[in-house]
């Protein structure tokens, strides 16, 4: 599932991206209201986490623009504790409101509740499958053909991202940014090394290969006949 986080506080935004990615979500970030409005209205998201105080355009304005055309669930974040602000957001079309500072576990619980209310099957957010491969995102468990795969935390995150976007070729840059939270350096082979280690556990013991290299482009996880 894909989530958009619109938050201008750099540390908080990165914290949310890392935490939600580890839970199996695909996370895009916008650091101001203008970029947030563009991504929210032009992209396809299952849920949006939207800060109120944003540069360029505040969260209320982003929400108003979104509600002209989309019913995407919106969880608003704010440091303001005034009742009027919460009422304004809810009347403007927000689905939930969370005050800063907050516990990540509460944020995650509210996100899952909103996804359930919007009709998204809960299993889609917690279990991923491709052929005989299955990932349980809650228990951090990966199995193939019923056999447990002994993955490190980074290998699990890498496989989760590839599986959520199965059939899509992901560039090394994308993998580095999403899994390692780093800018890609062409002199760094961290992605290639991690893919080789993952492939040794995911594919080498099995006759059917799922993780493929697309030369000059990146990697793709898919079941090929």
C-alpha atoms as a PDB file:
ATOM      1  CA  UNK A   1       0.000   0.000   0.000  1.00  0.00           C
ATOM      2  CA  UNK A   2       1.175   3.515  -0.796  1.00  0.00           C
ATOM      3  CA  UNK A   3       1.156   6.359   1.714  1.00  0.00           C
ATOM      4  CA  UNK A   4       1.970  10.026   1.158  1.00  0.00           C
ATOM      5  CA  UNK A   5       3.511  11.896   4.096  1.00  0.00           C
ATOM      6  CA  UNK A   6       3.361  15.694   3.836  1.00  0.00           C
ATOM      7  CA  UNK A   7       5.610  17.024   6.596  1.00  0.00           C
ATOM      8  CA  UNK A   8       8.199  19.821   6.602  1.00  0.00           C
ATOM      9  CA  UNK A   9      10.066  18.775   9.747  1.00  0.00           C
ATOM     10  CA  UNK A  10      12.946  16.811   8.241  1.00  0.00           C
ATOM     11  CA  UNK A  11      13.644  14.518  11.201  1.00  0.00           C
ATOM     12  CA  UNK A  12       9.984  13.684  11.715  1.00  0.00           C
ATOM     13  CA  UNK A  13       9.400  13.092   8.009  1.00  0.00           C
ATOM     14  CA  UNK A  14      12.347  10.703   7.784  1.00  0.00           C
ATOM     15  CA  UNK A  15      11.259   8.980  11.000  1.00  0.00           C
ATOM     16  CA  UNK A  16       7.785   8.409   9.560  1.00  0.00           C
ATOM     17  CA  UNK A  17       9.117   7.185   6.247  1.00  0.00           C
ATOM     18  CA  UNK A  18      11.458   4.717   7.923  1.00  0.00           C
ATOM     19  CA  UNK A  19       8.862   3.468  10.380  1.00  0.00           C
ATOM     20  CA  UNK A  20       6.087   3.046   7.831  1.00  0.00           C
ATOM     21  CA  UNK A  21       8.447   1.451   5.303  1.00  0.00           C
ATOM     22  CA  UNK A  22       9.479  -1.097   7.920  1.00  0.00           C
ATOM     23  CA  UNK A  23       5.790  -1.925   8.315  1.00  0.00           C
ATOM     24  CA  UNK A  24       5.579  -2.741   4.620  1.00  0.00           C
ATOM     25  CA  UNK A  25       4.129   0.487   3.241  1.00  0.00           C
ATOM     26  CA  UNK A  26       5.502   2.341   0.233  1.00  0.00           C
ATOM     27  CA  UNK A  27       6.069   5.909   1.397  1.00  0.00           C
ATOM     28  CA  UNK A  28       6.449   9.114  -0.607  1.00  0.00           C
ATOM     29  CA  UNK A  29       7.431  12.394   1.064  1.00  0.00           C
ATOM     30  CA  UNK A  30       6.517  15.994   0.360  1.00  0.00           C
ATOM     31  CA  UNK A  31       8.173  18.715   2.427  1.00  0.00           C
ATOM     32  CA  UNK A  32       5.862  21.635   1.633  1.00  0.00           C
ATOM     33  CA  UNK A  33       2.208  22.236   0.919  1.00  0.00           C
ATOM     34  CA  UNK A  34       2.602  22.931  -2.788  1.00  0.00           C
ATOM     35  CA  UNK A  35       4.429  19.667  -3.473  1.00  0.00           C
ATOM     36  CA  UNK A  36       1.999  17.903  -1.164  1.00  0.00           C
ATOM     37  CA  UNK A  37      -1.005  19.170  -3.094  1.00  0.00           C
ATOM     38  CA  UNK A  38       0.534  18.109  -6.397  1.00  0.00           C
ATOM     39  CA  UNK A  39       1.360  14.588  -5.230  1.00  0.00           C
ATOM     40  CA  UNK A  40      -1.945  14.166  -3.384  1.00  0.00           C
ATOM     41  CA  UNK A  41      -4.067  15.180  -6.359  1.00  0.00           C
ATOM     42  CA  UNK A  42      -1.978  13.628  -9.136  1.00  0.00           C
ATOM     43  CA  UNK A  43      -0.788  10.437  -7.461  1.00  0.00           C
ATOM     44  CA  UNK A  44      -2.571   7.271  -6.384  1.00  0.00           C
ATOM     45  CA  UNK A  45      -2.386   6.806  -2.619  1.00  0.00           C
ATOM     46  CA  UNK A  46      -4.221   4.600  -0.150  1.00  0.00           C
ATOM     47  CA  UNK A  47      -3.794   7.170   2.625  1.00  0.00           C
ATOM     48  CA  UNK A  48      -2.248  10.588   3.250  1.00  0.00           C
ATOM     49  CA  UNK A  49      -0.587  11.783   6.466  1.00  0.00           C
ATOM     50  CA  UNK A  50      -0.855  15.576   6.313  1.00  0.00           C
ATOM     51  CA  UNK A  51       0.739  18.144   8.613  1.00  0.00           C
ATOM     52  CA  UNK A  52      -1.202  21.353   9.247  1.00  0.00           C
ATOM     53  CA  UNK A  53       1.644  23.887   9.410  1.00  0.00           C
ATOM     54  CA  UNK A  54       3.423  23.712   6.070  1.00  0.00           C
ATOM     55  CA  UNK A  55       5.437  26.215   4.022  1.00  0.00           C
ATOM     56  CA  UNK A  56       3.920  27.400   0.748  1.00  0.00           C
ATOM     57  CA  UNK A  57       0.405  26.175   1.540  1.00  0.00           C
ATOM     58  CA  UNK A  58      -0.978  24.944   4.838  1.00  0.00           C
ATOM     59  CA  UNK A  59      -2.534  21.547   5.383  1.00  0.00           C
ATOM     60  CA  UNK A  60      -6.085  22.891   5.376  1.00  0.00           C
ATOM     61  CA  UNK A  61      -5.585  24.300   1.862  1.00  0.00           C
ATOM     62  CA  UNK A  62      -4.011  21.033   0.672  1.00  0.00           C
ATOM     63  CA  UNK A  63      -6.968  19.131   2.092  1.00  0.00           C
ATOM     64  CA  UNK A  64      -9.469  21.456   0.421  1.00  0.00           C
ATOM     65  CA  UNK A  65      -7.771  20.987  -2.968  1.00  0.00           C
ATOM     66  CA  UNK A  66      -7.685  17.219  -2.507  1.00  0.00           C
ATOM     67  CA  UNK A  67     -11.353  16.960  -1.573  1.00  0.00           C
ATOM     68  CA  UNK A  68     -12.417  18.589  -4.827  1.00  0.00           C
ATOM     69  CA  UNK A  69     -11.589  15.376  -6.669  1.00  0.00           C
ATOM     70  CA  UNK A  70     -10.437  12.643  -4.241  1.00  0.00           C
ATOM     71  CA  UNK A  71     -11.769  10.754  -1.228  1.00  0.00           C
ATOM     72  CA  UNK A  72      -8.379   9.423  -0.153  1.00  0.00           C
ATOM     73  CA  UNK A  73      -8.317   8.943   3.651  1.00  0.00           C
ATOM     74  CA  UNK A  74      -6.408  11.778   5.364  1.00  0.00           C
ATOM     75  CA  UNK A  75      -4.840  11.712   8.811  1.00  0.00           C
ATOM     76  CA  UNK A  76      -3.857  15.229   9.860  1.00  0.00           C
ATOM     77  CA  UNK A  77      -0.956  15.994  12.200  1.00  0.00           C
ATOM     78  CA  UNK A  78      -0.635  19.170  14.206  1.00  0.00           C
ATOM     79  CA  UNK A  79       1.136  20.682  17.188  1.00  0.00           C
ATOM     80  CA  UNK A  80      -1.940  22.844  17.783  1.00  0.00           C
ATOM     81  CA  UNK A  81      -4.231  21.591  20.508  1.00  0.00           C
ATOM     82  CA  UNK A  82      -7.083  24.045  19.953  1.00  0.00           C
ATOM     83  CA  UNK A  83     -10.464  22.436  19.462  1.00  0.00           C
ATOM     84  CA  UNK A  84     -11.278  24.917  16.689  1.00  0.00           C
ATOM     85  CA  UNK A  85      -8.349  23.653  14.594  1.00  0.00           C
ATOM     86  CA  UNK A  86      -9.397  20.026  14.944  1.00  0.00           C
ATOM     87  CA  UNK A  87     -12.992  20.885  14.101  1.00  0.00           C
ATOM     88  CA  UNK A  88     -11.840  22.874  11.067  1.00  0.00           C
ATOM     89  CA  UNK A  89      -9.836  19.938   9.776  1.00  0.00           C
ATOM     90  CA  UNK A  90     -12.611  17.403  10.323  1.00  0.00           C
ATOM     91  CA  UNK A  91     -15.202  19.669   8.728  1.00  0.00           C
ATOM     92  CA  UNK A  92     -12.815  20.186   5.824  1.00  0.00           C
ATOM     93  CA  UNK A  93     -12.757  16.476   5.070  1.00  0.00           C
ATOM     94  CA  UNK A  94     -10.035  15.021   7.291  1.00  0.00           C
ATOM     95  CA  UNK A  95     -10.735  11.489   8.467  1.00  0.00           C
ATOM     96  CA  UNK A  96      -8.704  11.648  11.675  1.00  0.00           C
ATOM     97  CA  UNK A  97      -6.555  14.041  13.696  1.00  0.00           C
ATOM     98  CA  UNK A  98      -3.421  13.318  15.739  1.00  0.00           C
ATOM     99  CA  UNK A  99      -1.642  15.786  18.016  1.00  0.00           C
ATOM    100  CA  UNK A 100       2.141  16.095  18.135  1.00  0.00           C
ATOM    101  CA  UNK A 101       4.095  14.659  19.814  1.00  0.00           C
ATOM    102  CA  UNK A 102       2.652  11.201  19.292  1.00  0.00           C
ATOM    103  CA  UNK A 103       3.695   7.582  19.676  1.00  0.00           C
ATOM    104  CA  UNK A 104       4.413   5.809  16.412  1.00  0.00           C
ATOM    105  CA  UNK A 105       2.327   2.846  17.575  1.00  0.00           C
ATOM    106  CA  UNK A 106      -0.721   5.104  17.884  1.00  0.00           C
ATOM    107  CA  UNK A 107      -0.106   6.592  14.444  1.00  0.00           C
ATOM    108  CA  UNK A 108       0.168   3.102  12.968  1.00  0.00           C
ATOM    109  CA  UNK A 109      -3.029   1.972  14.704  1.00  0.00           C
ATOM    110  CA  UNK A 110      -4.923   4.988  13.381  1.00  0.00           C
ATOM    111  CA  UNK A 111      -3.599   4.406   9.860  1.00  0.00           C
ATOM    112  CA  UNK A 112      -4.742   0.793   9.887  1.00  0.00           C
ATOM    113  CA  UNK A 113      -8.128   1.786  11.274  1.00  0.00           C
ATOM    114  CA  UNK A 114      -8.581   4.323   8.465  1.00  0.00           C
ATOM    115  CA  UNK A 115      -7.596   1.748   5.862  1.00  0.00           C
ATOM    116  CA  UNK A 116     -10.162  -0.677   7.257  1.00  0.00           C
ATOM    117  CA  UNK A 117     -12.860   2.007   7.269  1.00  0.00           C
ATOM    118  CA  UNK A 118     -12.063   2.927   3.673  1.00  0.00           C
ATOM    119  CA  UNK A 119     -12.694  -0.645   2.587  1.00  0.00           C
ATOM    120  CA  UNK A 120      -9.078  -1.737   2.188  1.00  0.00           C
ATOM    121  CA  UNK A 121      -8.750  -5.389   3.253  1.00  0.00           C
ATOM    122  CA  UNK A 122      -6.512  -5.562   6.307  1.00  0.00           C
ATOM    123  CA  UNK A 123      -4.647  -8.527   4.869  1.00  0.00           C
ATOM    124  CA  UNK A 124      -3.381  -6.368   2.026  1.00  0.00           C
ATOM    125  CA  UNK A 125      -1.518  -4.183   4.505  1.00  0.00           C
ATOM    126  CA  UNK A 126      -0.024  -7.075   6.446  1.00  0.00           C
ATOM    127  CA  UNK A 127       0.514  -9.993   4.057  1.00  0.00           C
ATOM    128  CA  UNK A 128       2.163  -9.952   0.637  1.00  0.00           C
ATOM    129  CA  UNK A 129       2.303 -12.883  -1.778  1.00  0.00           C
ATOM    130  CA  UNK A 130       3.865 -13.798  -5.116  1.00  0.00           C
ATOM    131  CA  UNK A 131       3.779 -17.364  -6.420  1.00  0.00           C
ATOM    132  CA  UNK A 132       4.970 -19.499  -3.454  1.00  0.00           C
ATOM    133  CA  UNK A 133       6.524 -16.517  -1.644  1.00  0.00           C
ATOM    134  CA  UNK A 134       4.701 -14.997   1.332  1.00  0.00           C
ATOM    135  CA  UNK A 135       5.642 -12.069   3.575  1.00  0.00           C
ATOM    136  CA  UNK A 136       3.920 -11.497   6.900  1.00  0.00           C
ATOM    137  CA  UNK A 137       4.659  -7.836   7.587  1.00  0.00           C
ATOM    138  CA  UNK A 138       3.381  -7.856  11.153  1.00  0.00           C
ATOM    139  CA  UNK A 139       5.426 -10.836  12.302  1.00  0.00           C
ATOM    140  CA  UNK A 140       8.346  -9.936  10.007  1.00  0.00           C
ATOM    141  CA  UNK A 141       8.267 -13.453   8.604  1.00  0.00           C
ATOM    142  CA  UNK A 142       9.137 -14.557   5.069  1.00  0.00           C
ATOM    143  CA  UNK A 143       8.437 -18.018   3.702  1.00  0.00           C
ATOM    144  CA  UNK A 144       8.808 -19.670   0.339  1.00  0.00           C
ATOM    145  CA  UNK A 145       7.116 -22.962  -0.494  1.00  0.00           C
ATOM    146  CA  UNK A 146       6.375 -23.187   3.224  1.00  0.00           C
ATOM    147  CA  UNK A 147      10.044 -22.834   4.190  1.00  0.00           C
ATOM    148  CA  UNK A 148      11.113 -19.994   6.495  1.00  0.00           C
ATOM    149  CA  UNK A 149      13.646 -17.588   4.962  1.00  0.00           C
ATOM    150  CA  UNK A 150      16.245 -16.367   7.459  1.00  0.00           C
ATOM    151  CA  UNK A 151      16.425 -12.714   6.409  1.00  0.00           C
ATOM    152  CA  UNK A 152      18.203  -9.820   8.050  1.00  0.00           C
ATOM    153  CA  UNK A 153      16.208  -6.642   8.760  1.00  0.00           C
ATOM    154  CA  UNK A 154      17.548  -4.938   5.623  1.00  0.00           C
ATOM    155  CA  UNK A 155      16.930  -8.006   3.472  1.00  0.00           C
ATOM    156  CA  UNK A 156      13.352  -8.148   4.714  1.00  0.00           C
ATOM    157  CA  UNK A 157      12.834  -4.439   3.946  1.00  0.00           C
ATOM    158  CA  UNK A 158      14.365  -4.894   0.502  1.00  0.00           C
ATOM    159  CA  UNK A 159      12.186  -7.893  -0.286  1.00  0.00           C
ATOM    160  CA  UNK A 160       9.109  -6.098   1.050  1.00  0.00           C
ATOM    161  CA  UNK A 161       9.680  -3.136  -1.262  1.00  0.00           C
ATOM    162  CA  UNK A 162      10.330  -5.366  -4.277  1.00  0.00           C
ATOM    163  CA  UNK A 163       7.258  -7.464  -3.519  1.00  0.00           C
ATOM    164  CA  UNK A 164       4.939  -4.507  -3.048  1.00  0.00           C
ATOM    165  CA  UNK A 165       6.025  -3.247  -6.435  1.00  0.00           C
ATOM    166  CA  UNK A 166       6.336  -6.650  -8.110  1.00  0.00           C
ATOM    167  CA  UNK A 167       6.534  -6.468 -11.860  1.00  0.00           C
ATOM    168  CA  UNK A 168       8.052  -2.982 -11.695  1.00  0.00           C
ATOM    169  CA  UNK A 169      11.752  -2.479 -12.395  1.00  0.00           C
ATOM    170  CA  UNK A 170      13.253  -0.601  -9.444  1.00  0.00           C
ATOM    171  CA  UNK A 171      16.433   1.368 -10.003  1.00  0.00           C
ATOM    172  CA  UNK A 172      19.330   1.113  -7.567  1.00  0.00           C
ATOM    173  CA  UNK A 173      18.664   4.745  -6.666  1.00  0.00           C
ATOM    174  CA  UNK A 174      15.127   3.909  -5.571  1.00  0.00           C
ATOM    175  CA  UNK A 175      16.250   0.920  -3.518  1.00  0.00           C
ATOM    176  CA  UNK A 176      19.009   2.909  -1.821  1.00  0.00           C
ATOM    177  CA  UNK A 177      16.677   5.749  -0.902  1.00  0.00           C
ATOM    178  CA  UNK A 178      13.787   3.579   0.281  1.00  0.00           C
ATOM    179  CA  UNK A 179      15.662   0.812   2.115  1.00  0.00           C
ATOM    180  CA  UNK A 180      18.862   2.489   3.297  1.00  0.00           C
ATOM    181  CA  UNK A 181      17.531   6.061   3.506  1.00  0.00           C
ATOM    182  CA  UNK A 182      20.565   7.298   1.610  1.00  0.00           C
ATOM    183  CA  UNK A 183      21.405   9.118  -1.581  1.00  0.00           C
ATOM    184  CA  UNK A 184      22.734   6.696  -4.157  1.00  0.00           C
ATOM    185  CA  UNK A 185      26.438   6.843  -4.821  1.00  0.00           C
ATOM    186  CA  UNK A 186      27.483   5.168  -8.063  1.00  0.00           C
ATOM    187  CA  UNK A 187      30.715   4.072  -6.361  1.00  0.00           C
ATOM    188  CA  UNK A 188      28.784   2.225  -3.651  1.00  0.00           C
ATOM    189  CA  UNK A 189      27.769  -1.375  -4.270  1.00  0.00           C
ATOM    190  CA  UNK A 190      25.634  -1.769  -1.138  1.00  0.00           C
ATOM    191  CA  UNK A 191      22.487  -2.429  -3.203  1.00  0.00           C
ATOM    192  CA  UNK A 192      24.109  -5.045  -5.443  1.00  0.00           C
ATOM    193  CA  UNK A 193      25.651  -6.841  -2.470  1.00  0.00           C
ATOM    194  CA  UNK A 194      22.312  -6.887  -0.626  1.00  0.00           C
ATOM    195  CA  UNK A 195      20.498  -8.194  -3.705  1.00  0.00           C
ATOM    196  CA  UNK A 196      23.048 -10.996  -4.116  1.00  0.00           C
ATOM    197  CA  UNK A 197      22.605 -12.034  -0.495  1.00  0.00           C
ATOM    198  CA  UNK A 198      18.841 -11.885  -0.767  1.00  0.00           C
ATOM    199  CA  UNK A 199      18.862 -13.901  -3.978  1.00  0.00           C
ATOM    200  CA  UNK A 200      20.980 -16.612  -2.322  1.00  0.00           C
ATOM    201  CA  UNK A 201      18.212 -17.120   0.235  1.00  0.00           C
ATOM    202  CA  UNK A 202      15.181 -16.370  -1.919  1.00  0.00           C
ATOM    203  CA  UNK A 203      16.022 -18.053  -5.229  1.00  0.00           C
ATOM    204  CA  UNK A 204      19.066 -20.323  -5.055  1.00  0.00           C
ATOM    205  CA  UNK A 205      17.351 -23.154  -3.118  1.00  0.00           C
ATOM    206  CA  UNK A 206      14.317 -23.153  -5.426  1.00  0.00           C
ATOM    207  CA  UNK A 207      13.873 -24.090  -9.103  1.00  0.00           C
ATOM    208  CA  UNK A 208      11.737 -21.062  -9.979  1.00  0.00           C
ATOM    209  CA  UNK A 209      13.543 -17.722  -9.819  1.00  0.00           C
ATOM    210  CA  UNK A 210      11.671 -14.604  -8.748  1.00  0.00           C
ATOM    211  CA  UNK A 211      14.344 -11.909  -8.400  1.00  0.00           C
ATOM    212  CA  UNK A 212      15.653 -10.753 -11.772  1.00  0.00           C
ATOM    213  CA  UNK A 213      18.305  -8.276 -12.896  1.00  0.00           C
ATOM    214  CA  UNK A 214      17.346  -5.894 -15.675  1.00  0.00           C
ATOM    215  CA  UNK A 215      20.685  -4.874 -17.087  1.00  0.00           C
ATOM    216  CA  UNK A 216      21.326  -1.154 -17.000  1.00  0.00           C
ATOM    217  CA  UNK A 217      18.073  -0.463 -15.155  1.00  0.00           C
ATOM    218  CA  UNK A 218      17.792  -2.275 -11.835  1.00  0.00           C
ATOM    219  CA  UNK A 219      15.922  -5.203 -10.324  1.00  0.00           C
ATOM    220  CA  UNK A 220      12.439  -6.644 -10.552  1.00  0.00           C
ATOM    221  CA  UNK A 221      10.589  -9.262  -8.532  1.00  0.00           C
ATOM    222  CA  UNK A 222       8.165 -11.229 -10.688  1.00  0.00           C
ATOM    223  CA  UNK A 223       7.048 -14.743 -11.546  1.00  0.00           C
ATOM    224  CA  UNK A 224       8.059 -15.569 -15.104  1.00  0.00           C
ATOM    225  CA  UNK A 225       6.629 -18.584 -16.861  1.00  0.00           C
END
